[in-house]
Amino acid sequence: MARACDDLADDLEAGHLPIPRRFAEEPALHPALSEEAPSILEQKEDIEDELHTSLPTHAGDYDVTPRNPERGDRR
C-alpha cells in the first residue's frame, strides 16, 4: 500500500493526474477523492463557465434542431 501511495505521489509531483495503474493504487485514491472531489468539481465548473462565456457567439448556438443532410438540411 505504501508503494501505491508513493507511485501516486510521484504522478502528482510530475504534474500528471494520479491514475491508478495497479490494484492497490485504486483504494489509495478513495480517501482523497471522497474529501476533495466536491471542491475539484466546483473548480472545474467555474473554469468551464469562464471558457464558455469567453467563446464568440454564433447564430446557431443552442440550436438542437435535427439536421438531415440527405434532405438538404444544412447548418
PDB file of N, CA and C in Angstrom:
ATOM      1  N   MET A   1       0.827  -1.185   0.000  1.00  0.00           N
ATOM      2  CA  MET A   1       0.000   0.000   0.000  1.00  0.00           C
ATOM      3  C   MET A   1       0.876   1.255   0.000  1.00  0.00           C
ATOM      4  N   ALA A   2       1.984   1.192   0.747  1.00  0.00           N
ATOM      5  CA  ALA A   2       2.875   2.351   0.774  1.00  0.00           C
ATOM      6  C   ALA A   2       3.448   2.621  -0.609  1.00  0.00           C
ATOM      7  N   ARG A   3       3.772   1.561  -1.330  1.00  0.00           N
ATOM      8  CA  ARG A   3       4.305   1.716  -2.691  1.00  0.00           C
ATOM      9  C   ARG A   3       3.257   2.368  -3.593  1.00  0.00           C
ATOM     10  N   ALA A   4       2.004   1.990  -3.426  1.00  0.00           N
ATOM     11  CA  ALA A   4       0.924   2.567  -4.224  1.00  0.00           C
ATOM     12  C   ALA A   4       0.819   4.064  -3.965  1.00  0.00           C
ATOM     13  N   CYS A   5       0.896   4.458  -2.712  1.00  0.00           N
ATOM     14  CA  CYS A   5       0.827   5.888  -2.364  1.00  0.00           C
ATOM     15  C   CYS A   5       2.022   6.635  -2.930  1.00  0.00           C
ATOM     16  N   ASP A   6       3.197   6.017  -2.868  1.00  0.00           N
ATOM     17  CA  ASP A   6       4.399   6.646  -3.431  1.00  0.00           C
ATOM     18  C   ASP A   6       4.266   6.841  -4.936  1.00  0.00           C
ATOM     19  N   ASP A   7       3.736   5.837  -5.627  1.00  0.00           N
ATOM     20  CA  ASP A   7       3.573   5.941  -7.084  1.00  0.00           C
ATOM     21  C   ASP A   7       2.594   7.059  -7.449  1.00  0.00           C
ATOM     22  N   LEU A   8       1.506   7.163  -6.698  1.00  0.00           N
ATOM     23  CA  LEU A   8       0.532   8.216  -6.964  1.00  0.00           C
ATOM     24  C   LEU A   8       1.120   9.592  -6.657  1.00  0.00           C
ATOM     25  N   ALA A   9       1.902   9.672  -5.587  1.00  0.00           N
ATOM     26  CA  ALA A   9       2.558  10.935  -5.245  1.00  0.00           C
ATOM     27  C   ALA A   9       3.558  11.336  -6.325  1.00  0.00           C
ATOM     28  N   ASP A  10       4.262  10.349  -6.886  1.00  0.00           N
ATOM     29  CA  ASP A  10       5.199  10.636  -7.978  1.00  0.00           C
ATOM     30  C   ASP A  10       4.466  11.207  -9.184  1.00  0.00           C
ATOM     31  N   ASP A  11       3.282  10.663  -9.479  1.00  0.00           N
ATOM     32  CA  ASP A  11       2.478  11.196 -10.589  1.00  0.00           C
ATOM     33  C   ASP A  11       2.166  12.668 -10.358  1.00  0.00           C
ATOM     34  N   LEU A  12       1.722  12.990  -9.151  1.00  0.00           N
ATOM     35  CA  LEU A  12       1.364  14.370  -8.825  1.00  0.00           C
ATOM     36  C   LEU A  12       2.576  15.292  -8.902  1.00  0.00           C
ATOM     37  N   GLU A  13       3.700  14.835  -8.379  1.00  0.00           N
ATOM     38  CA  GLU A  13       4.917  15.654  -8.415  1.00  0.00           C
ATOM     39  C   GLU A  13       5.369  15.921  -9.847  1.00  0.00           C
ATOM     40  N   ALA A  14       5.100  14.972 -10.736  1.00  0.00           N
ATOM     41  CA  ALA A  14       5.478  15.129 -12.136  1.00  0.00           C
ATOM     42  C   ALA A  14       4.461  15.973 -12.901  1.00  0.00           C
ATOM     43  N   GLY A  15       3.380  16.373 -12.232  1.00  0.00           N
ATOM     44  CA  GLY A  15       2.370  17.198 -12.881  1.00  0.00           C
ATOM     45  C   GLY A  15       1.321  16.404 -13.630  1.00  0.00           C
ATOM     46  N   HIS A  16       1.223  15.115 -13.347  1.00  0.00           N
ATOM     47  CA  HIS A  16       0.248  14.242 -14.012  1.00  0.00           C
ATOM     48  C   HIS A  16      -0.914  13.943 -13.063  1.00  0.00           C
ATOM     49  N   LEU A  17      -2.038  13.560 -13.643  1.00  0.00           N
ATOM     50  CA  LEU A  17      -3.155  13.104 -12.819  1.00  0.00           C
ATOM     51  C   LEU A  17      -2.784  11.772 -12.185  1.00  0.00           C
ATOM     52  N   PRO A  18      -3.207  11.544 -10.953  1.00  0.00           N
ATOM     53  CA  PRO A  18      -2.894  10.265 -10.307  1.00  0.00           C
ATOM     54  C   PRO A  18      -3.827   9.167 -10.801  1.00  0.00           C
ATOM     55  N   ILE A  19      -3.448   8.502 -11.854  1.00  0.00           N
ATOM     56  CA  ILE A  19      -4.268   7.443 -12.439  1.00  0.00           C
ATOM     57  C   ILE A  19      -3.797   6.102 -11.882  1.00  0.00           C
ATOM     58  N   PRO A  20      -4.687   5.324 -11.261  1.00  0.00           N
ATOM     59  CA  PRO A  20      -4.261   4.039 -10.700  1.00  0.00           C
ATOM     60  C   PRO A  20      -3.863   3.055 -11.804  1.00  0.00           C
ATOM     61  N   ARG A  21      -2.668   2.499 -11.674  1.00  0.00           N
ATOM     62  CA  ARG A  21      -2.173   1.529 -12.645  1.00  0.00           C
ATOM     63  C   ARG A  21      -2.129   0.115 -12.067  1.00  0.00           C
ATOM     64  N   ARG A  22      -2.205   0.031 -10.745  1.00  0.00           N
ATOM     65  CA  ARG A  22      -2.200  -1.254 -10.053  1.00  0.00           C
ATOM     66  C   ARG A  22      -3.406  -1.291  -9.120  1.00  0.00           C
ATOM     67  N   PHE A  23      -3.794  -2.496  -8.738  1.00  0.00           N
ATOM     68  CA  PHE A  23      -4.986  -2.647  -7.902  1.00  0.00           C
ATOM     69  C   PHE A  23      -4.857  -1.872  -6.595  1.00  0.00           C
ATOM     70  N   ALA A  24      -3.701  -1.874  -5.970  1.00  0.00           N
ATOM     71  CA  ALA A  24      -3.529  -1.216  -4.665  1.00  0.00           C
ATOM     72  C   ALA A  24      -3.645   0.297  -4.763  1.00  0.00           C
ATOM     73  N   GLU A  25      -3.417   0.855  -5.946  1.00  0.00           N
ATOM     74  CA  GLU A  25      -3.478   2.305  -6.093  1.00  0.00           C
ATOM     75  C   GLU A  25      -4.913   2.825  -6.060  1.00  0.00           C
ATOM     76  N   GLU A  26      -5.847   2.003  -6.508  1.00  0.00           N
ATOM     77  CA  GLU A  26      -7.240   2.463  -6.536  1.00  0.00           C
ATOM     78  C   GLU A  26      -7.789   2.730  -5.138  1.00  0.00           C
ATOM     79  N   PRO A  27      -7.673   1.784  -4.181  1.00  0.00           N
ATOM     80  CA  PRO A  27      -8.173   2.105  -2.842  1.00  0.00           C
ATOM     81  C   PRO A  27      -7.377   3.228  -2.174  1.00  0.00           C
ATOM     82  N   ALA A  28      -6.145   3.431  -2.586  1.00  0.00           N
ATOM     83  CA  ALA A  28      -5.353   4.521  -2.013  1.00  0.00           C
ATOM     84  C   ALA A  28      -5.919   5.879  -2.421  1.00  0.00           C
ATOM     85  N   LEU A  29      -6.581   5.938  -3.559  1.00  0.00           N
ATOM     86  CA  LEU A  29      -7.156   7.194  -4.036  1.00  0.00           C
ATOM     87  C   LEU A  29      -8.502   7.528  -3.387  1.00  0.00           C
ATOM     88  N   HIS A  30      -9.210   6.541  -2.911  1.00  0.00           N
ATOM     89  CA  HIS A  30     -10.565   6.764  -2.403  1.00  0.00           C
ATOM     90  C   HIS A  30     -10.648   7.822  -1.304  1.00  0.00           C
ATOM     91  N   PRO A  31      -9.803   7.808  -0.273  1.00  0.00           N
ATOM     92  CA  PRO A  31      -9.922   8.863   0.750  1.00  0.00           C
ATOM     93  C   PRO A  31      -9.720  10.267   0.177  1.00  0.00           C
ATOM     94  N   ALA A  32      -8.769  10.399  -0.724  1.00  0.00           N
ATOM     95  CA  ALA A  32      -8.515  11.718  -1.309  1.00  0.00           C
ATOM     96  C   ALA A  32      -9.700  12.168  -2.152  1.00  0.00           C
ATOM     97  N   LEU A  33     -10.265  11.248  -2.905  1.00  0.00           N
ATOM     98  CA  LEU A  33     -11.386  11.605  -3.774  1.00  0.00           C
ATOM     99  C   LEU A  33     -12.627  11.954  -2.969  1.00  0.00           C
ATOM    100  N   SER A  34     -12.882  11.222  -1.910  1.00  0.00           N
ATOM    101  CA  SER A  34     -14.101  11.489  -1.142  1.00  0.00           C
ATOM    102  C   SER A  34     -14.021  12.845  -0.443  1.00  0.00           C
ATOM    103  N   GLU A  35     -12.817  13.285  -0.097  1.00  0.00           N
ATOM    104  CA  GLU A  35     -12.671  14.573   0.576  1.00  0.00           C
ATOM    105  C   GLU A  35     -12.571  15.732  -0.411  1.00  0.00           C
ATOM    106  N   GLU A  36     -11.890  15.535  -1.512  1.00  0.00           N
ATOM    107  CA  GLU A  36     -11.580  16.633  -2.427  1.00  0.00           C
ATOM    108  C   GLU A  36     -12.488  16.712  -3.649  1.00  0.00           C
ATOM    109  N   ALA A  37     -13.193  15.653  -3.965  1.00  0.00           N
ATOM    110  CA  ALA A  37     -13.985  15.632  -5.196  1.00  0.00           C
ATOM    111  C   ALA A  37     -14.967  16.797  -5.305  1.00  0.00           C
ATOM    112  N   PRO A  38     -15.730  17.134  -4.260  1.00  0.00           N
ATOM    113  CA  PRO A  38     -16.671  18.254  -4.412  1.00  0.00           C
ATOM    114  C   PRO A  38     -15.993  19.576  -4.776  1.00  0.00           C
ATOM    115  N   SER A  39     -14.856  19.866  -4.156  1.00  0.00           N
ATOM    116  CA  SER A  39     -14.196  21.139  -4.467  1.00  0.00           C
ATOM    117  C   SER A  39     -13.568  21.111  -5.855  1.00  0.00           C
ATOM    118  N   ILE A  40     -13.074  19.948  -6.269  1.00  0.00           N
ATOM    119  CA  ILE A  40     -12.497  19.836  -7.618  1.00  0.00           C
ATOM    120  C   ILE A  40     -13.586  20.033  -8.666  1.00  0.00           C
ATOM    121  N   LEU A  41     -14.745  19.424  -8.447  1.00  0.00           N
ATOM    122  CA  LEU A  41     -15.847  19.582  -9.393  1.00  0.00           C
ATOM    123  C   LEU A  41     -16.309  21.031  -9.468  1.00  0.00           C
ATOM    124  N   GLU A  42     -16.331  21.701  -8.331  1.00  0.00           N
ATOM    125  CA  GLU A  42     -16.716  23.111  -8.312  1.00  0.00           C
ATOM    126  C   GLU A  42     -15.743  23.955  -9.135  1.00  0.00           C
ATOM    127  N   GLN A  43     -14.450  23.707  -8.940  1.00  0.00           N
ATOM    128  CA  GLN A  43     -13.430  24.438  -9.690  1.00  0.00           C
ATOM    129  C   GLN A  43     -13.565  24.160 -11.180  1.00  0.00           C
ATOM    130  N   LYS A  44     -13.822  22.899 -11.528  1.00  0.00           N
ATOM    131  CA  LYS A  44     -13.965  22.535 -12.937  1.00  0.00           C
ATOM    132  C   LYS A  44     -15.163  23.255 -13.555  1.00  0.00           C
ATOM    133  N   GLU A  45     -16.268  23.313 -12.832  1.00  0.00           N
ATOM    134  CA  GLU A  45     -17.454  24.007 -13.339  1.00  0.00           C
ATOM    135  C   GLU A  45     -17.180  25.492 -13.529  1.00  0.00           C
ATOM    136  N   ASP A  46     -16.451  26.101 -12.594  1.00  0.00           N
ATOM    137  CA  ASP A  46     -16.107  27.518 -12.725  1.00  0.00           C
ATOM    138  C   ASP A  46     -15.253  27.757 -13.963  1.00  0.00           C
ATOM    139  N   ILE A  47     -14.278  26.900 -14.194  1.00  0.00           N
ATOM    140  CA  ILE A  47     -13.404  27.040 -15.366  1.00  0.00           C
ATOM    141  C   ILE A  47     -14.211  26.856 -16.643  1.00  0.00           C
ATOM    142  N   GLU A  48     -15.090  25.839 -16.655  1.00  0.00           N
ATOM    143  CA  GLU A  48     -15.916  25.609 -17.844  1.00  0.00           C
ATOM    144  C   GLU A  48     -16.828  26.803 -18.117  1.00  0.00           C
ATOM    145  N   ASP A  49     -17.389  27.392 -17.061  1.00  0.00           N
ATOM    146  CA  ASP A  49     -18.244  28.566 -17.237  1.00  0.00           C
ATOM    147  C   ASP A  49     -17.453  29.721 -17.843  1.00  0.00           C
ATOM    148  N   GLU A  50     -16.236  29.935 -17.354  1.00  0.00           N
ATOM    149  CA  GLU A  50     -15.395  31.004 -17.889  1.00  0.00           C
ATOM    150  C   GLU A  50     -15.057  30.758 -19.354  1.00  0.00           C
ATOM    151  N   LEU A  51     -14.721  29.522 -19.688  1.00  0.00           N
ATOM    152  CA  LEU A  51     -14.391  29.199 -21.078  1.00  0.00           C
ATOM    153  C   LEU A  51     -15.614  29.362 -21.975  1.00  0.00           C
ATOM    154  N   HIS A  52     -16.757  28.931 -21.475  1.00  0.00           N
ATOM    155  CA  HIS A  52     -17.974  29.013 -22.274  1.00  0.00           C
ATOM    156  C   HIS A  52     -18.339  30.460 -22.587  1.00  0.00           C
ATOM    157  N   THR A  53     -18.244  31.320 -21.603  1.00  0.00           N
ATOM    158  CA  THR A  53     -18.619  32.717 -21.834  1.00  0.00           C
ATOM    159  C   THR A  53     -17.557  33.469 -22.626  1.00  0.00           C
ATOM    160  N   SER A  54     -16.343  32.929 -22.709  1.00  0.00           N
ATOM    161  CA  SER A  54     -15.300  33.619 -23.465  1.00  0.00           C
ATOM    162  C   SER A  54     -15.349  33.290 -24.955  1.00  0.00           C
ATOM    163  N   LEU A  55     -16.138  32.301 -25.343  1.00  0.00           N
ATOM    164  CA  LEU A  55     -16.252  31.945 -26.755  1.00  0.00           C
ATOM    165  C   LEU A  55     -17.135  32.944 -27.486  1.00  0.00           C
ATOM    166  N   PRO A  56     -16.842  33.206 -28.754  1.00  0.00           N
ATOM    167  CA  PRO A  56     -17.721  34.102 -29.512  1.00  0.00           C
ATOM    168  C   PRO A  56     -19.086  33.446 -29.738  1.00  0.00           C
ATOM    169  N   THR A  57     -20.115  34.257 -29.788  1.00  0.00           N
ATOM    170  CA  THR A  57     -21.451  33.714 -30.017  1.00  0.00           C
ATOM    171  C   THR A  57     -21.672  33.473 -31.506  1.00  0.00           C
ATOM    172  N   HIS A  58     -22.607  32.595 -31.797  1.00  0.00           N
ATOM    173  CA  HIS A  58     -22.942  32.245 -33.177  1.00  0.00           C
ATOM    174  C   HIS A  58     -24.451  32.106 -33.268  1.00  0.00           C
ATOM    175  N   ALA A  59     -24.996  32.414 -34.414  1.00  0.00           N
ATOM    176  CA  ALA A  59     -26.451  32.360 -34.583  1.00  0.00           C
ATOM    177  C   ALA A  59     -27.005  30.964 -34.336  1.00  0.00           C
ATOM    178  N   GLY A  60     -26.206  29.921 -34.558  1.00  0.00           N
ATOM    179  CA  GLY A  60     -26.671  28.552 -34.370  1.00  0.00           C
ATOM    180  C   GLY A  60     -26.456  28.002 -32.974  1.00  0.00           C
ATOM    181  N   ASP A  61     -25.957  28.830 -32.046  1.00  0.00           N
ATOM    182  CA  ASP A  61     -25.761  28.358 -30.687  1.00  0.00           C
ATOM    183  C   ASP A  61     -27.084  27.886 -30.101  1.00  0.00           C
ATOM    184  N   TYR A  62     -27.024  26.760 -29.444  1.00  0.00           N
ATOM    185  CA  TYR A  62     -28.166  26.162 -28.753  1.00  0.00           C
ATOM    186  C   TYR A  62     -29.285  25.726 -29.697  1.00  0.00           C
ATOM    187  N   ASP A  63     -29.006  25.665 -30.986  1.00  0.00           N
ATOM    188  CA  ASP A  63     -29.989  25.153 -31.943  1.00  0.00           C
ATOM    189  C   ASP A  63     -29.839  23.637 -31.982  1.00  0.00           C
ATOM    190  N   VAL A  64     -30.791  22.942 -31.433  1.00  0.00           N
ATOM    191  CA  VAL A  64     -30.711  21.493 -31.359  1.00  0.00           C
ATOM    192  C   VAL A  64     -31.662  20.823 -32.344  1.00  0.00           C
ATOM    193  N   THR A  65     -32.079  21.563 -33.361  1.00  0.00           N
ATOM    194  CA  THR A  65     -32.961  21.014 -34.372  1.00  0.00           C
ATOM    195  C   THR A  65     -32.228  19.921 -35.142  1.00  0.00           C
ATOM    196  N   PRO A  66     -32.824  18.729 -35.266  1.00  0.00           N
ATOM    197  CA  PRO A  66     -32.155  17.663 -36.015  1.00  0.00           C
ATOM    198  C   PRO A  66     -31.942  18.064 -37.471  1.00  0.00           C
ATOM    199  N   ARG A  67     -30.807  17.720 -37.993  1.00  0.00           N
ATOM    200  CA  ARG A  67     -30.476  18.012 -39.388  1.00  0.00           C
ATOM    201  C   ARG A  67     -30.391  16.714 -40.165  1.00  0.00           C
ATOM    202  N   ASN A  68     -30.822  16.742 -41.410  1.00  0.00           N
ATOM    203  CA  ASN A  68     -30.729  15.577 -42.278  1.00  0.00           C
ATOM    204  C   ASN A  68     -30.060  16.006 -43.573  1.00  0.00           C
ATOM    205  N   PRO A  69     -28.754  15.727 -43.714  1.00  0.00           N
ATOM    206  CA  PRO A  69     -28.045  16.156 -44.923  1.00  0.00           C
ATOM    207  C   PRO A  69     -28.615  15.551 -46.214  1.00  0.00           C
ATOM    208  N   GLU A  70     -29.261  14.385 -46.093  1.00  0.00           N
ATOM    209  CA  GLU A  70     -29.829  13.756 -47.287  1.00  0.00           C
ATOM    210  C   GLU A  70     -31.000  14.577 -47.852  1.00  0.00           C
ATOM    211  N   ARG A  71     -31.670  15.336 -47.004  1.00  0.00           N
ATOM    212  CA  ARG A  71     -32.777  16.186 -47.470  1.00  0.00           C
ATOM    213  C   ARG A  71     -32.302  17.581 -47.841  1.00  0.00           C
ATOM    214  N   GLY A  72     -31.017  17.827 -47.669  1.00  0.00           N
ATOM    215  CA  GLY A  72     -30.507  19.149 -47.993  1.00  0.00           C
ATOM    216  C   GLY A  72     -30.422  20.085 -46.802  1.00  0.00           C
ATOM    217  N   ASP A  73     -30.748  19.562 -45.597  1.00  0.00           N
ATOM    218  CA  ASP A  73     -30.632  20.388 -44.390  1.00  0.00           C
ATOM    219  C   ASP A  73     -29.159  20.707 -44.147  1.00  0.00           C
ATOM    220  N   ARG A  74     -28.873  21.959 -43.919  1.00  0.00           N
ATOM    221  CA  ARG A  74     -27.502  22.383 -43.615  1.00  0.00           C
ATOM    222  C   ARG A  74     -27.507  23.194 -42.348  1.00  0.00           C
ATOM    223  N   ARG A  75     -26.365  23.319 -41.782  1.00  0.00           N
ATOM    224  CA  ARG A  75     -26.207  24.165 -40.599  1.00  0.00           C
ATOM    225  C   ARG A  75     -25.860  25.548 -41.019  1.00  0.00           C
TER     226      ARG A  75
END
